[in-house]
Amino acid sequence: MLLAMFIMLFLLLVGHAIADFALQSDAMAKGKNRHNKSEPPPGAKPQVCWYYWLTAHALIHGGVVWLVTGLWIFGLMETIAHWLIDFGKCENWYGIHEDQLMHLLCKLFYILILAVVMFL
């Protein structure tokens, strides 16, 4: 049982690394920040609003958590938490290290909930 929890935590961390770094394009990383004002070239259509980028990024993370845990409620929790955490980082309330620590704590929280439920 303990080994299964460690494996799931590892998979959650791998999924986080893939979603936060490999799947996050430069456009998404810049676009999700409401303070990053980049104007489209003359004649081009306006860019996607920051909250679309941030929501799409958070949904990717929620999907990864759902796929790993098999629990849609954890996927929903992750989507909301990731959106809020990244919004705070984009507001410069904290930096990348605190951002990543909060994401890690979310994953540990899911594992803790699963462990408690399994041992009851």
PDB file of N, CA and C in Angstrom:
ATOM      1  N   MET A   1       0.818  -1.194   0.000  1.00  0.00           N
ATOM      2  CA  MET A   1       0.000   0.000   0.000  1.00  0.00           C
ATOM      3  C   MET A   1       0.863   1.259   0.000  1.00  0.00           C
ATOM      4  N   LEU A   2       1.879   1.253   0.846  1.00  0.00           N
ATOM      5  CA  LEU A   2       2.778   2.408   0.922  1.00  0.00           C
ATOM      6  C   LEU A   2       3.514   2.596  -0.403  1.00  0.00           C
ATOM      7  N   LEU A   3       3.933   1.486  -0.995  1.00  0.00           N
ATOM      8  CA  LEU A   3       4.620   1.568  -2.287  1.00  0.00           C
ATOM      9  C   LEU A   3       3.698   2.171  -3.351  1.00  0.00           C
ATOM     10  N   ALA A   4       2.435   1.785  -3.343  1.00  0.00           N
ATOM     11  CA  ALA A   4       1.471   2.327  -4.307  1.00  0.00           C
ATOM     12  C   ALA A   4       1.324   3.838  -4.140  1.00  0.00           C
ATOM     13  N   MET A   5       1.353   4.316  -2.897  1.00  0.00           N
ATOM     14  CA  MET A   5       1.248   5.758  -2.641  1.00  0.00           C
ATOM     15  C   MET A   5       2.477   6.497  -3.172  1.00  0.00           C
ATOM     16  N   PHE A   6       3.642   5.927  -2.959  1.00  0.00           N
ATOM     17  CA  PHE A   6       4.866   6.552  -3.475  1.00  0.00           C
ATOM     18  C   PHE A   6       4.879   6.565  -5.002  1.00  0.00           C
ATOM     19  N   ILE A   7       4.413   5.482  -5.595  1.00  0.00           N
ATOM     20  CA  ILE A   7       4.353   5.420  -7.058  1.00  0.00           C
ATOM     21  C   ILE A   7       3.387   6.483  -7.585  1.00  0.00           C
ATOM     22  N   MET A   8       2.229   6.618  -6.929  1.00  0.00           N
ATOM     23  CA  MET A   8       1.262   7.625  -7.377  1.00  0.00           C
ATOM     24  C   MET A   8       1.830   9.030  -7.207  1.00  0.00           C
ATOM     25  N   LEU A   9       2.512   9.287  -6.090  1.00  0.00           N
ATOM     26  CA  LEU A   9       3.142  10.595  -5.892  1.00  0.00           C
ATOM     27  C   LEU A   9       4.173  10.852  -6.987  1.00  0.00           C
ATOM     28  N   PHE A  10       4.971   9.843  -7.292  1.00  0.00           N
ATOM     29  CA  PHE A  10       5.963   9.990  -8.363  1.00  0.00           C
ATOM     30  C   PHE A  10       5.281  10.320  -9.689  1.00  0.00           C
ATOM     31  N   LEU A  11       4.202   9.603 -10.006  1.00  0.00           N
ATOM     32  CA  LEU A  11       3.482   9.863 -11.255  1.00  0.00           C
ATOM     33  C   LEU A  11       2.864  11.257 -11.271  1.00  0.00           C
ATOM     34  N   LEU A  12       2.354  11.712 -10.129  1.00  0.00           N
ATOM     35  CA  LEU A  12       1.818  13.071 -10.057  1.00  0.00           C
ATOM     36  C   LEU A  12       2.905  14.100 -10.306  1.00  0.00           C
ATOM     37  N   LEU A  13       4.092  13.865  -9.763  1.00  0.00           N
ATOM     38  CA  LEU A  13       5.207  14.800  -9.960  1.00  0.00           C
ATOM     39  C   LEU A  13       5.703  14.773 -11.401  1.00  0.00           C
ATOM     40  N   VAL A  14       5.767  13.594 -11.995  1.00  0.00           N
ATOM     41  CA  VAL A  14       6.153  13.489 -13.405  1.00  0.00           C
ATOM     42  C   VAL A  14       5.124  14.215 -14.276  1.00  0.00           C
ATOM     43  N   GLY A  15       3.855  13.976 -13.998  1.00  0.00           N
ATOM     44  CA  GLY A  15       2.804  14.654 -14.748  1.00  0.00           C
ATOM     45  C   GLY A  15       2.879  16.162 -14.594  1.00  0.00           C
ATOM     46  N   HIS A  16       3.196  16.614 -13.376  1.00  0.00           N
ATOM     47  CA  HIS A  16       3.334  18.054 -13.150  1.00  0.00           C
ATOM     48  C   HIS A  16       4.491  18.620 -13.974  1.00  0.00           C
ATOM     49  N   ALA A  17       5.612  17.928 -13.965  1.00  0.00           N
ATOM     50  CA  ALA A  17       6.773  18.401 -14.728  1.00  0.00           C
ATOM     51  C   ALA A  17       6.448  18.464 -16.221  1.00  0.00           C
ATOM     52  N   ILE A  18       5.764  17.457 -16.726  1.00  0.00           N
ATOM     53  CA  ILE A  18       5.403  17.446 -18.144  1.00  0.00           C
ATOM     54  C   ILE A  18       4.439  18.598 -18.460  1.00  0.00           C
ATOM     55  N   ALA A  19       3.410  18.762 -17.624  1.00  0.00           N
ATOM     56  CA  ALA A  19       2.403  19.793 -17.891  1.00  0.00           C
ATOM     57  C   ALA A  19       2.941  21.202 -17.670  1.00  0.00           C
ATOM     58  N   ASP A  20       3.808  21.378 -16.674  1.00  0.00           N
ATOM     59  CA  ASP A  20       4.285  22.722 -16.344  1.00  0.00           C
ATOM     60  C   ASP A  20       5.459  23.172 -17.213  1.00  0.00           C
ATOM     61  N   PHE A  21       6.187  22.228 -17.778  1.00  0.00           N
ATOM     62  CA  PHE A  21       7.367  22.609 -18.547  1.00  0.00           C
ATOM     63  C   PHE A  21       7.292  22.150 -20.001  1.00  0.00           C
ATOM     64  N   ALA A  22       7.079  20.867 -20.242  1.00  0.00           N
ATOM     65  CA  ALA A  22       7.075  20.378 -21.624  1.00  0.00           C
ATOM     66  C   ALA A  22       5.837  20.818 -22.403  1.00  0.00           C
ATOM     67  N   LEU A  23       4.677  20.810 -21.762  1.00  0.00           N
ATOM     68  CA  LEU A  23       3.434  21.149 -22.467  1.00  0.00           C
ATOM     69  C   LEU A  23       3.084  22.631 -22.422  1.00  0.00           C
ATOM     70  N   GLN A  24       3.791  23.398 -21.623  1.00  0.00           N
ATOM     71  CA  GLN A  24       3.490  24.829 -21.531  1.00  0.00           C
ATOM     72  C   GLN A  24       4.344  25.580 -22.551  1.00  0.00           C
ATOM     73  N   SER A  25       3.696  26.019 -23.599  1.00  0.00           N
ATOM     74  CA  SER A  25       4.417  26.742 -24.644  1.00  0.00           C
ATOM     75  C   SER A  25       4.836  28.120 -24.137  1.00  0.00           C
ATOM     76  N   ASP A  26       5.728  28.741 -24.886  1.00  0.00           N
ATOM     77  CA  ASP A  26       6.143  30.102 -24.554  1.00  0.00           C
ATOM     78  C   ASP A  26       4.951  31.055 -24.618  1.00  0.00           C
ATOM     79  N   ALA A  27       4.091  30.839 -25.613  1.00  0.00           N
ATOM     80  CA  ALA A  27       2.895  31.677 -25.753  1.00  0.00           C
ATOM     81  C   ALA A  27       1.992  31.539 -24.532  1.00  0.00           C
ATOM     82  N   MET A  28       1.844  30.312 -24.023  1.00  0.00           N
ATOM     83  CA  MET A  28       1.002  30.093 -22.858  1.00  0.00           C
ATOM     84  C   MET A  28       1.646  30.693 -21.614  1.00  0.00           C
ATOM     85  N   ALA A  29       2.942  30.484 -21.443  1.00  0.00           N
ATOM     86  CA  ALA A  29       3.645  31.010 -20.272  1.00  0.00           C
ATOM     87  C   ALA A  29       3.537  32.528 -20.197  1.00  0.00           C
ATOM     88  N   LYS A  30       3.641  33.181 -21.335  1.00  0.00           N
ATOM     89  CA  LYS A  30       3.517  34.642 -21.363  1.00  0.00           C
ATOM     90  C   LYS A  30       2.056  35.080 -21.364  1.00  0.00           C
ATOM     91  N   GLY A  31       1.222  34.354 -22.097  1.00  0.00           N
ATOM     92  CA  GLY A  31      -0.166  34.741 -22.263  1.00  0.00           C
ATOM     93  C   GLY A  31      -1.006  34.628 -21.013  1.00  0.00           C
ATOM     94  N   LYS A  32      -0.634  33.731 -20.075  1.00  0.00           N
ATOM     95  CA  LYS A  32      -1.439  33.545 -18.869  1.00  0.00           C
ATOM     96  C   LYS A  32      -1.235  34.659 -17.847  1.00  0.00           C
ATOM     97  N   ASN A  33      -0.276  35.515 -18.087  1.00  0.00           N
ATOM     98  CA  ASN A  33       0.005  36.635 -17.178  1.00  0.00           C
ATOM     99  C   ASN A  33      -0.734  37.871 -17.678  1.00  0.00           C
ATOM    100  N   ARG A  34      -1.670  38.372 -16.888  1.00  0.00           N
ATOM    101  CA  ARG A  34      -2.485  39.512 -17.325  1.00  0.00           C
ATOM    102  C   ARG A  34      -1.687  40.800 -17.426  1.00  0.00           C
ATOM    103  N   HIS A  35      -0.483  40.808 -16.875  1.00  0.00           N
ATOM    104  CA  HIS A  35       0.358  42.006 -16.940  1.00  0.00           C
ATOM    105  C   HIS A  35       1.271  42.016 -18.173  1.00  0.00           C
ATOM    106  N   ASN A  36       1.305  40.910 -18.877  1.00  0.00           N
ATOM    107  CA  ASN A  36       2.132  40.802 -20.079  1.00  0.00           C
ATOM    108  C   ASN A  36       1.313  41.304 -21.261  1.00  0.00           C
ATOM    109  N   LYS A  37       1.507  42.528 -21.600  1.00  0.00           N
ATOM    110  CA  LYS A  37       0.737  43.155 -22.680  1.00  0.00           C
ATOM    111  C   LYS A  37       1.544  43.128 -23.973  1.00  0.00           C
ATOM    112  N   SER A  38       1.246  42.160 -24.807  1.00  0.00           N
ATOM    113  CA  SER A  38       1.909  42.114 -26.104  1.00  0.00           C
ATOM    114  C   SER A  38       0.863  42.424 -27.174  1.00  0.00           C
ATOM    115  N   GLU A  39       1.157  43.376 -27.968  1.00  0.00           N
ATOM    116  CA  GLU A  39       0.239  43.808 -29.022  1.00  0.00           C
ATOM    117  C   GLU A  39       0.433  42.939 -30.264  1.00  0.00           C
ATOM    118  N   PRO A  40      -0.672  42.547 -30.903  1.00  0.00           N
ATOM    119  CA  PRO A  40      -0.543  41.780 -32.144  1.00  0.00           C
ATOM    120  C   PRO A  40       0.024  42.673 -33.244  1.00  0.00           C
ATOM    121  N   PRO A  41       0.676  42.072 -34.223  1.00  0.00           N
ATOM    122  CA  PRO A  41       1.193  42.854 -35.351  1.00  0.00           C
ATOM    123  C   PRO A  41       0.055  43.570 -36.080  1.00  0.00           C
ATOM    124  N   PRO A  42       0.356  44.644 -36.755  1.00  0.00           N
ATOM    125  CA  PRO A  42      -0.690  45.376 -37.487  1.00  0.00           C
ATOM    126  C   PRO A  42      -1.445  44.455 -38.442  1.00  0.00           C
ATOM    127  N   GLY A  43      -2.761  44.551 -38.415  1.00  0.00           N
ATOM    128  CA  GLY A  43      -3.601  43.731 -39.281  1.00  0.00           C
ATOM    129  C   GLY A  43      -3.949  42.367 -38.710  1.00  0.00           C
ATOM    130  N   ALA A  44      -3.274  41.960 -37.634  1.00  0.00           N
ATOM    131  CA  ALA A  44      -3.549  40.654 -37.035  1.00  0.00           C
ATOM    132  C   ALA A  44      -4.718  40.758 -36.056  1.00  0.00           C
ATOM    133  N   LYS A  45      -5.388  39.650 -35.850  1.00  0.00           N
ATOM    134  CA  LYS A  45      -6.493  39.614 -34.897  1.00  0.00           C
ATOM    135  C   LYS A  45      -5.922  39.672 -33.474  1.00  0.00           C
ATOM    136  N   PRO A  46      -6.696  40.184 -32.527  1.00  0.00           N
ATOM    137  CA  PRO A  46      -6.227  40.251 -31.136  1.00  0.00           C
ATOM    138  C   PRO A  46      -5.899  38.868 -30.583  1.00  0.00           C
ATOM    139  N   GLN A  47      -4.958  38.843 -29.644  1.00  0.00           N
ATOM    140  CA  GLN A  47      -4.534  37.589 -29.010  1.00  0.00           C
ATOM    141  C   GLN A  47      -5.609  37.089 -28.054  1.00  0.00           C
ATOM    142  N   VAL A  48      -5.472  35.842 -27.653  1.00  0.00           N
ATOM    143  CA  VAL A  48      -6.365  35.233 -26.667  1.00  0.00           C
ATOM    144  C   VAL A  48      -6.170  35.927 -25.332  1.00  0.00           C
ATOM    145  N   CYS A  49      -7.248  36.162 -24.598  1.00  0.00           N
ATOM    146  CA  CYS A  49      -7.180  36.825 -23.290  1.00  0.00           C
ATOM    147  C   CYS A  49      -6.405  35.965 -22.286  1.00  0.00           C
ATOM    148  N   TRP A  50      -5.759  36.616 -21.338  1.00  0.00           N
ATOM    149  CA  TRP A  50      -4.914  35.946 -20.348  1.00  0.00           C
ATOM    150  C   TRP A  50      -5.649  34.845 -19.606  1.00  0.00           C
ATOM    151  N   TYR A  51      -6.916  35.041 -19.282  1.00  0.00           N
ATOM    152  CA  TYR A  51      -7.629  34.038 -18.488  1.00  0.00           C
ATOM    153  C   TYR A  51      -7.943  32.780 -19.294  1.00  0.00           C
ATOM    154  N   TYR A  52      -7.980  32.875 -20.617  1.00  0.00           N
ATOM    155  CA  TYR A  52      -8.100  31.674 -21.438  1.00  0.00           C
ATOM    156  C   TYR A  52      -6.826  30.834 -21.321  1.00  0.00           C
ATOM    157  N   TRP A  53      -5.681  31.517 -21.442  1.00  0.00           N
ATOM    158  CA  TRP A  53      -4.397  30.817 -21.336  1.00  0.00           C
ATOM    159  C   TRP A  53      -4.250  30.173 -19.954  1.00  0.00           C
ATOM    160  N   LEU A  54      -4.540  30.938 -18.912  1.00  0.00           N
ATOM    161  CA  LEU A  54      -4.376  30.429 -17.549  1.00  0.00           C
ATOM    162  C   LEU A  54      -5.325  29.266 -17.282  1.00  0.00           C
ATOM    163  N   THR A  55      -6.548  29.381 -17.753  1.00  0.00           N
ATOM    164  CA  THR A  55      -7.522  28.315 -17.545  1.00  0.00           C
ATOM    165  C   THR A  55      -7.138  27.056 -18.324  1.00  0.00           C
ATOM    166  N   ALA A  56      -6.686  27.223 -19.544  1.00  0.00           N
ATOM    167  CA  ALA A  56      -6.242  26.066 -20.340  1.00  0.00           C
ATOM    168  C   ALA A  56      -5.071  25.365 -19.654  1.00  0.00           C
ATOM    169  N   HIS A  57      -4.124  26.144 -19.158  1.00  0.00           N
ATOM    170  CA  HIS A  57      -2.965  25.579 -18.458  1.00  0.00           C
ATOM    171  C   HIS A  57      -3.415  24.821 -17.213  1.00  0.00           C
ATOM    172  N   ALA A  58      -4.318  25.407 -16.433  1.00  0.00           N
ATOM    173  CA  ALA A  58      -4.802  24.759 -15.218  1.00  0.00           C
ATOM    174  C   ALA A  58      -5.594  23.489 -15.543  1.00  0.00           C
ATOM    175  N   LEU A  59      -6.364  23.524 -16.632  1.00  0.00           N
ATOM    176  CA  LEU A  59      -7.122  22.337 -17.038  1.00  0.00           C
ATOM    177  C   LEU A  59      -6.208  21.184 -17.443  1.00  0.00           C
ATOM    178  N   ILE A  60      -5.092  21.492 -18.076  1.00  0.00           N
ATOM    179  CA  ILE A  60      -4.118  20.444 -18.421  1.00  0.00           C
ATOM    180  C   ILE A  60      -3.638  19.769 -17.147  1.00  0.00           C
ATOM    181  N   HIS A  61      -3.315  20.569 -16.144  1.00  0.00           N
ATOM    182  CA  HIS A  61      -2.858  20.011 -14.864  1.00  0.00           C
ATOM    183  C   HIS A  61      -3.960  19.188 -14.206  1.00  0.00           C
ATOM    184  N   GLY A  62      -5.188  19.712 -14.230  1.00  0.00           N
ATOM    185  CA  GLY A  62      -6.293  18.962 -13.655  1.00  0.00           C
ATOM    186  C   GLY A  62      -6.503  17.633 -14.365  1.00  0.00           C
ATOM    187  N   GLY A  63      -6.365  17.640 -15.674  1.00  0.00           N
ATOM    188  CA  GLY A  63      -6.490  16.406 -16.448  1.00  0.00           C
ATOM    189  C   GLY A  63      -5.431  15.386 -16.090  1.00  0.00           C
ATOM    190  N   VAL A  64      -4.210  15.851 -15.892  1.00  0.00           N
ATOM    191  CA  VAL A  64      -3.120  14.949 -15.504  1.00  0.00           C
ATOM    192  C   VAL A  64      -3.419  14.311 -14.148  1.00  0.00           C
ATOM    193  N   VAL A  65      -3.853  15.127 -13.192  1.00  0.00           N
ATOM    194  CA  VAL A  65      -4.154  14.597 -11.859  1.00  0.00           C
ATOM    195  C   VAL A  65      -5.312  13.598 -11.939  1.00  0.00           C
ATOM    196  N   TRP A  66      -6.323  13.904 -12.741  1.00  0.00           N
ATOM    197  CA  TRP A  66      -7.439  12.980 -12.913  1.00  0.00           C
ATOM    198  C   TRP A  66      -6.963  11.656 -13.517  1.00  0.00           C
ATOM    199  N   LEU A  67      -6.140  11.743 -14.549  1.00  0.00           N
ATOM    200  CA  LEU A  67      -5.627  10.530 -15.191  1.00  0.00           C
ATOM    201  C   LEU A  67      -4.802   9.676 -14.235  1.00  0.00           C
ATOM    202  N   VAL A  68      -3.980  10.311 -13.426  1.00  0.00           N
ATOM    203  CA  VAL A  68      -3.109   9.557 -12.513  1.00  0.00           C
ATOM    204  C   VAL A  68      -3.900   8.949 -11.363  1.00  0.00           C
ATOM    205  N   THR A  69      -4.795   9.741 -10.746  1.00  0.00           N
ATOM    206  CA  THR A  69      -5.510   9.257  -9.566  1.00  0.00           C
ATOM    207  C   THR A  69      -6.790   8.503  -9.905  1.00  0.00           C
ATOM    208  N   GLY A  70      -7.361   8.783 -11.080  1.00  0.00           N
ATOM    209  CA  GLY A  70      -8.634   8.190 -11.442  1.00  0.00           C
ATOM    210  C   GLY A  70      -9.817   8.871 -10.778  1.00  0.00           C
ATOM    211  N   LEU A  71      -9.569  10.009 -10.130  1.00  0.00           N
ATOM    212  CA  LEU A  71     -10.620  10.712  -9.394  1.00  0.00           C
ATOM    213  C   LEU A  71     -10.845  12.091  -9.993  1.00  0.00           C
ATOM    214  N   TRP A  72     -12.025  12.297 -10.584  1.00  0.00           N
ATOM    215  CA  TRP A  72     -12.322  13.582 -11.216  1.00  0.00           C
ATOM    216  C   TRP A  72     -12.317  14.716 -10.203  1.00  0.00           C
ATOM    217  N   ILE A  73     -12.699  14.431  -8.958  1.00  0.00           N
ATOM    218  CA  ILE A  73     -12.737  15.496  -7.958  1.00  0.00           C
ATOM    219  C   ILE A  73     -11.330  16.030  -7.684  1.00  0.00           C
ATOM    220  N   PHE A  74     -10.334  15.164  -7.702  1.00  0.00           N
ATOM    221  CA  PHE A  74      -8.953  15.633  -7.553  1.00  0.00           C
ATOM    222  C   PHE A  74      -8.548  16.456  -8.773  1.00  0.00           C
ATOM    223  N   GLY A  75      -9.007  16.048  -9.946  1.00  0.00           N
ATOM    224  CA  GLY A  75      -8.730  16.826 -11.155  1.00  0.00           C
ATOM    225  C   GLY A  75      -9.329  18.223 -11.069  1.00  0.00           C
ATOM    226  N   LEU A  76     -10.553  18.302 -10.569  1.00  0.00           N
ATOM    227  CA  LEU A  76     -11.200  19.604 -10.398  1.00  0.00           C
ATOM    228  C   LEU A  76     -10.469  20.442  -9.345  1.00  0.00           C
ATOM    229  N   MET A  77     -10.116  19.806  -8.227  1.00  0.00           N
ATOM    230  CA  MET A  77      -9.373  20.518  -7.179  1.00  0.00           C
ATOM    231  C   MET A  77      -8.045  21.053  -7.716  1.00  0.00           C
ATOM    232  N   GLU A  78      -7.366  20.231  -8.503  1.00  0.00           N
ATOM    233  CA  GLU A  78      -6.078  20.643  -9.067  1.00  0.00           C
ATOM    234  C   GLU A  78      -6.258  21.794 -10.049  1.00  0.00           C
ATOM    235  N   THR A  79      -7.294  21.741 -10.866  1.00  0.00           N
ATOM    236  CA  THR A  79      -7.548  22.820 -11.818  1.00  0.00           C
ATOM    237  C   THR A  79      -7.714  24.143 -11.082  1.00  0.00           C
ATOM    238  N   ILE A  80      -8.523  24.143 -10.047  1.00  0.00           N
ATOM    239  CA  ILE A  80      -8.775  25.367  -9.279  1.00  0.00           C
ATOM    240  C   ILE A  80      -7.511  25.824  -8.562  1.00  0.00           C
ATOM    241  N   ALA A  81      -6.845  24.887  -7.882  1.00  0.00           N
ATOM    242  CA  ALA A  81      -5.632  25.240  -7.131  1.00  0.00           C
ATOM    243  C   ALA A  81      -4.540  25.755  -8.062  1.00  0.00           C
ATOM    244  N   HIS A  82      -4.360  25.077  -9.193  1.00  0.00           N
ATOM    245  CA  HIS A  82      -3.297  25.488 -10.111  1.00  0.00           C
ATOM    246  C   HIS A  82      -3.586  26.872 -10.682  1.00  0.00           C
ATOM    247  N   TRP A  83      -4.843  27.135 -11.010  1.00  0.00           N
ATOM    248  CA  TRP A  83      -5.231  28.450 -11.528  1.00  0.00           C
ATOM    249  C   TRP A  83      -4.885  29.532 -10.503  1.00  0.00           C
ATOM    250  N   LEU A  84      -5.286  29.313  -9.258  1.00  0.00           N
ATOM    251  CA  LEU A  84      -5.054  30.314  -8.206  1.00  0.00           C
ATOM    252  C   LEU A  84      -3.567  30.503  -7.908  1.00  0.00           C
ATOM    253  N   ILE A  85      -2.827  29.403  -7.837  1.00  0.00           N
ATOM    254  CA  ILE A  85      -1.391  29.489  -7.548  1.00  0.00           C
ATOM    255  C   ILE A  85      -0.666  30.227  -8.664  1.00  0.00           C
ATOM    256  N   ASP A  86      -0.953  29.874  -9.910  1.00  0.00           N
ATOM    257  CA  ASP A  86      -0.274  30.544 -11.027  1.00  0.00           C
ATOM    258  C   ASP A  86      -0.705  31.998 -11.157  1.00  0.00           C
ATOM    259  N   PHE A  87      -1.958  32.301 -10.843  1.00  0.00           N
ATOM    260  CA  PHE A  87      -2.398  33.690 -10.842  1.00  0.00           C
ATOM    261  C   PHE A  87      -1.573  34.492  -9.843  1.00  0.00           C
ATOM    262  N   GLY A  88      -1.385  33.944  -8.651  1.00  0.00           N
ATOM    263  CA  GLY A  88      -0.573  34.625  -7.635  1.00  0.00           C
ATOM    264  C   GLY A  88       0.860  34.834  -8.076  1.00  0.00           C
ATOM    265  N   LYS A  89       1.409  33.834  -8.763  1.00  0.00           N
ATOM    266  CA  LYS A  89       2.788  33.988  -9.264  1.00  0.00           C
ATOM    267  C   LYS A  89       2.845  35.094 -10.317  1.00  0.00           C
ATOM    268  N   CYS A  90       1.862  35.123 -11.189  1.00  0.00           N
ATOM    269  CA  CYS A  90       1.828  36.167 -12.219  1.00  0.00           C
ATOM    270  C   CYS A  90       1.617  37.554 -11.622  1.00  0.00           C
ATOM    271  N   GLU A  91       1.014  37.624 -10.453  1.00  0.00           N
ATOM    272  CA  GLU A  91       0.821  38.901  -9.763  1.00  0.00           C
ATOM    273  C   GLU A  91       2.071  39.305  -8.963  1.00  0.00           C
ATOM    274  N   ASN A  92       3.095  38.471  -9.015  1.00  0.00           N
ATOM    275  CA  ASN A  92       4.346  38.690  -8.272  1.00  0.00           C
ATOM    276  C   ASN A  92       4.137  38.683  -6.759  1.00  0.00           C
ATOM    277  N   TRP A  93       3.168  37.895  -6.301  1.00  0.00           N
ATOM    278  CA  TRP A  93       2.966  37.744  -4.863  1.00  0.00           C
ATOM    279  C   TRP A  93       4.033  36.825  -4.283  1.00  0.00           C
ATOM    280  N   TYR A  94       4.619  35.981  -5.134  1.00  0.00           N
ATOM    281  CA  TYR A  94       5.697  35.067  -4.754  1.00  0.00           C
ATOM    282  C   TYR A  94       6.396  34.634  -6.029  1.00  0.00           C
ATOM    283  N   GLY A  95       7.495  33.938  -5.883  1.00  0.00           N
ATOM    284  CA  GLY A  95       8.303  33.549  -7.030  1.00  0.00           C
ATOM    285  C   GLY A  95       8.100  32.097  -7.432  1.00  0.00           C
ATOM    286  N   ILE A  96       8.950  31.648  -8.335  1.00  0.00           N
ATOM    287  CA  ILE A  96       8.852  30.301  -8.910  1.00  0.00           C
ATOM    288  C   ILE A  96       9.042  29.208  -7.861  1.00  0.00           C
ATOM    289  N   HIS A  97       9.926  29.439  -6.891  1.00  0.00           N
ATOM    290  CA  HIS A  97      10.194  28.401  -5.888  1.00  0.00           C
ATOM    291  C   HIS A  97       8.968  28.187  -4.990  1.00  0.00           C
ATOM    292  N   GLU A  98       8.356  29.259  -4.561  1.00  0.00           N
ATOM    293  CA  GLU A  98       7.145  29.145  -3.748  1.00  0.00           C
ATOM    294  C   GLU A  98       5.995  28.552  -4.564  1.00  0.00           C
ATOM    295  N   ASP A  99       5.913  28.954  -5.812  1.00  0.00           N
ATOM    296  CA  ASP A  99       4.911  28.423  -6.740  1.00  0.00           C
ATOM    297  C   ASP A  99       5.038  26.904  -6.840  1.00  0.00           C
ATOM    298  N   GLN A 100       6.225  26.430  -7.085  1.00  0.00           N
ATOM    299  CA  GLN A 100       6.431  24.991  -7.233  1.00  0.00           C
ATOM    300  C   GLN A 100       6.208  24.257  -5.911  1.00  0.00           C
ATOM    301  N   LEU A 101       6.565  24.872  -4.787  1.00  0.00           N
ATOM    302  CA  LEU A 101       6.319  24.262  -3.481  1.00  0.00           C
ATOM    303  C   LEU A 101       4.817  24.093  -3.248  1.00  0.00           C
ATOM    304  N   MET A 102       4.040  25.111  -3.580  1.00  0.00           N
ATOM    305  CA  MET A 102       2.585  25.006  -3.406  1.00  0.00           C
ATOM    306  C   MET A 102       1.998  23.910  -4.291  1.00  0.00           C
ATOM    307  N   HIS A 103       2.516  23.775  -5.518  1.00  0.00           N
ATOM    308  CA  HIS A 103       2.041  22.704  -6.397  1.00  0.00           C
ATOM    309  C   HIS A 103       2.390  21.332  -5.802  1.00  0.00           C
ATOM    310  N   LEU A 104       3.584  21.203  -5.250  1.00  0.00           N
ATOM    311  CA  LEU A 104       4.003  19.955  -4.607  1.00  0.00           C
ATOM    312  C   LEU A 104       3.098  19.647  -3.413  1.00  0.00           C
ATOM    313  N   LEU A 105       2.782  20.658  -2.615  1.00  0.00           N
ATOM    314  CA  LEU A 105       1.919  20.454  -1.450  1.00  0.00           C
ATOM    315  C   LEU A 105       0.532  19.978  -1.869  1.00  0.00           C
ATOM    316  N   CYS A 106       0.043  20.451  -3.004  1.00  0.00           N
ATOM    317  CA  CYS A 106      -1.245  19.955  -3.514  1.00  0.00           C
ATOM    318  C   CYS A 106      -1.166  18.460  -3.784  1.00  0.00           C
ATOM    319  N   LYS A 107      -0.091  18.030  -4.425  1.00  0.00           N
ATOM    320  CA  LYS A 107       0.058  16.606  -4.743  1.00  0.00           C
ATOM    321  C   LYS A 107       0.150  15.784  -3.462  1.00  0.00           C
ATOM    322  N   LEU A 108       0.881  16.281  -2.482  1.00  0.00           N
ATOM    323  CA  LEU A 108       0.990  15.576  -1.200  1.00  0.00           C
ATOM    324  C   LEU A 108      -0.366  15.508  -0.506  1.00  0.00           C
ATOM    325  N   PHE A 109      -1.166  16.547  -0.644  1.00  0.00           N
ATOM    326  CA  PHE A 109      -2.506  16.568  -0.065  1.00  0.00           C
ATOM    327  C   PHE A 109      -3.377  15.466  -0.671  1.00  0.00           C
ATOM    328  N   TYR A 110      -3.324  15.286  -1.986  1.00  0.00           N
ATOM    329  CA  TYR A 110      -4.111  14.234  -2.630  1.00  0.00           C
ATOM    330  C   TYR A 110      -3.684  12.862  -2.116  1.00  0.00           C
ATOM    331  N   ILE A 111      -2.388  12.652  -1.987  1.00  0.00           N
ATOM    332  CA  ILE A 111      -1.878  11.374  -1.487  1.00  0.00           C
ATOM    333  C   ILE A 111      -2.326  11.155  -0.052  1.00  0.00           C
ATOM    334  N   LEU A 112      -2.268  12.190   0.754  1.00  0.00           N
ATOM    335  CA  LEU A 112      -2.700  12.086   2.151  1.00  0.00           C
ATOM    336  C   LEU A 112      -4.185  11.718   2.223  1.00  0.00           C
ATOM    337  N   ILE A 113      -5.014  12.370   1.421  1.00  0.00           N
ATOM    338  CA  ILE A 113      -6.443  12.039   1.420  1.00  0.00           C
ATOM    339  C   ILE A 113      -6.652  10.581   1.026  1.00  0.00           C
ATOM    340  N   LEU A 114      -5.962  10.129  -0.013  1.00  0.00           N
ATOM    341  CA  LEU A 114      -6.093   8.738  -0.450  1.00  0.00           C
ATOM    342  C   LEU A 114      -5.643   7.782   0.640  1.00  0.00           C
ATOM    343  N   ALA A 115      -4.550   8.100   1.323  1.00  0.00           N
ATOM    344  CA  ALA A 115      -4.038   7.223   2.389  1.00  0.00           C
ATOM    345  C   ALA A 115      -5.034   7.129   3.533  1.00  0.00           C
ATOM    346  N   VAL A 116      -5.608   8.270   3.925  1.00  0.00           N
ATOM    347  CA  VAL A 116      -6.590   8.270   5.005  1.00  0.00           C
ATOM    348  C   VAL A 116      -7.814   7.457   4.623  1.00  0.00           C
ATOM    349  N   VAL A 117      -8.313   7.652   3.412  1.00  0.00           N
ATOM    350  CA  VAL A 117      -9.492   6.916   2.960  1.00  0.00           C
ATOM    351  C   VAL A 117      -9.214   5.420   2.899  1.00  0.00           C
ATOM    352  N   MET A 118      -8.038   5.048   2.444  1.00  0.00           N
ATOM    353  CA  MET A 118      -7.708   3.624   2.305  1.00  0.00           C
ATOM    354  C   MET A 118      -7.515   2.934   3.649  1.00  0.00           C
ATOM    355  N   PHE A 119      -7.067   3.695   4.655  1.00  0.00           N
ATOM    356  CA  PHE A 119      -6.805   3.075   5.951  1.00  0.00           C
ATOM    357  C   PHE A 119      -7.994   3.169   6.899  1.00  0.00           C
ATOM    358  N   LEU A 120      -9.101   3.771   6.482  1.00  0.00           N
ATOM    359  CA  LEU A 120     -10.306   3.855   7.342  1.00  0.00           C
ATOM    360  C   LEU A 120     -11.145   2.603   7.239  1.00  0.00           C
TER     361      LEU A 120
END
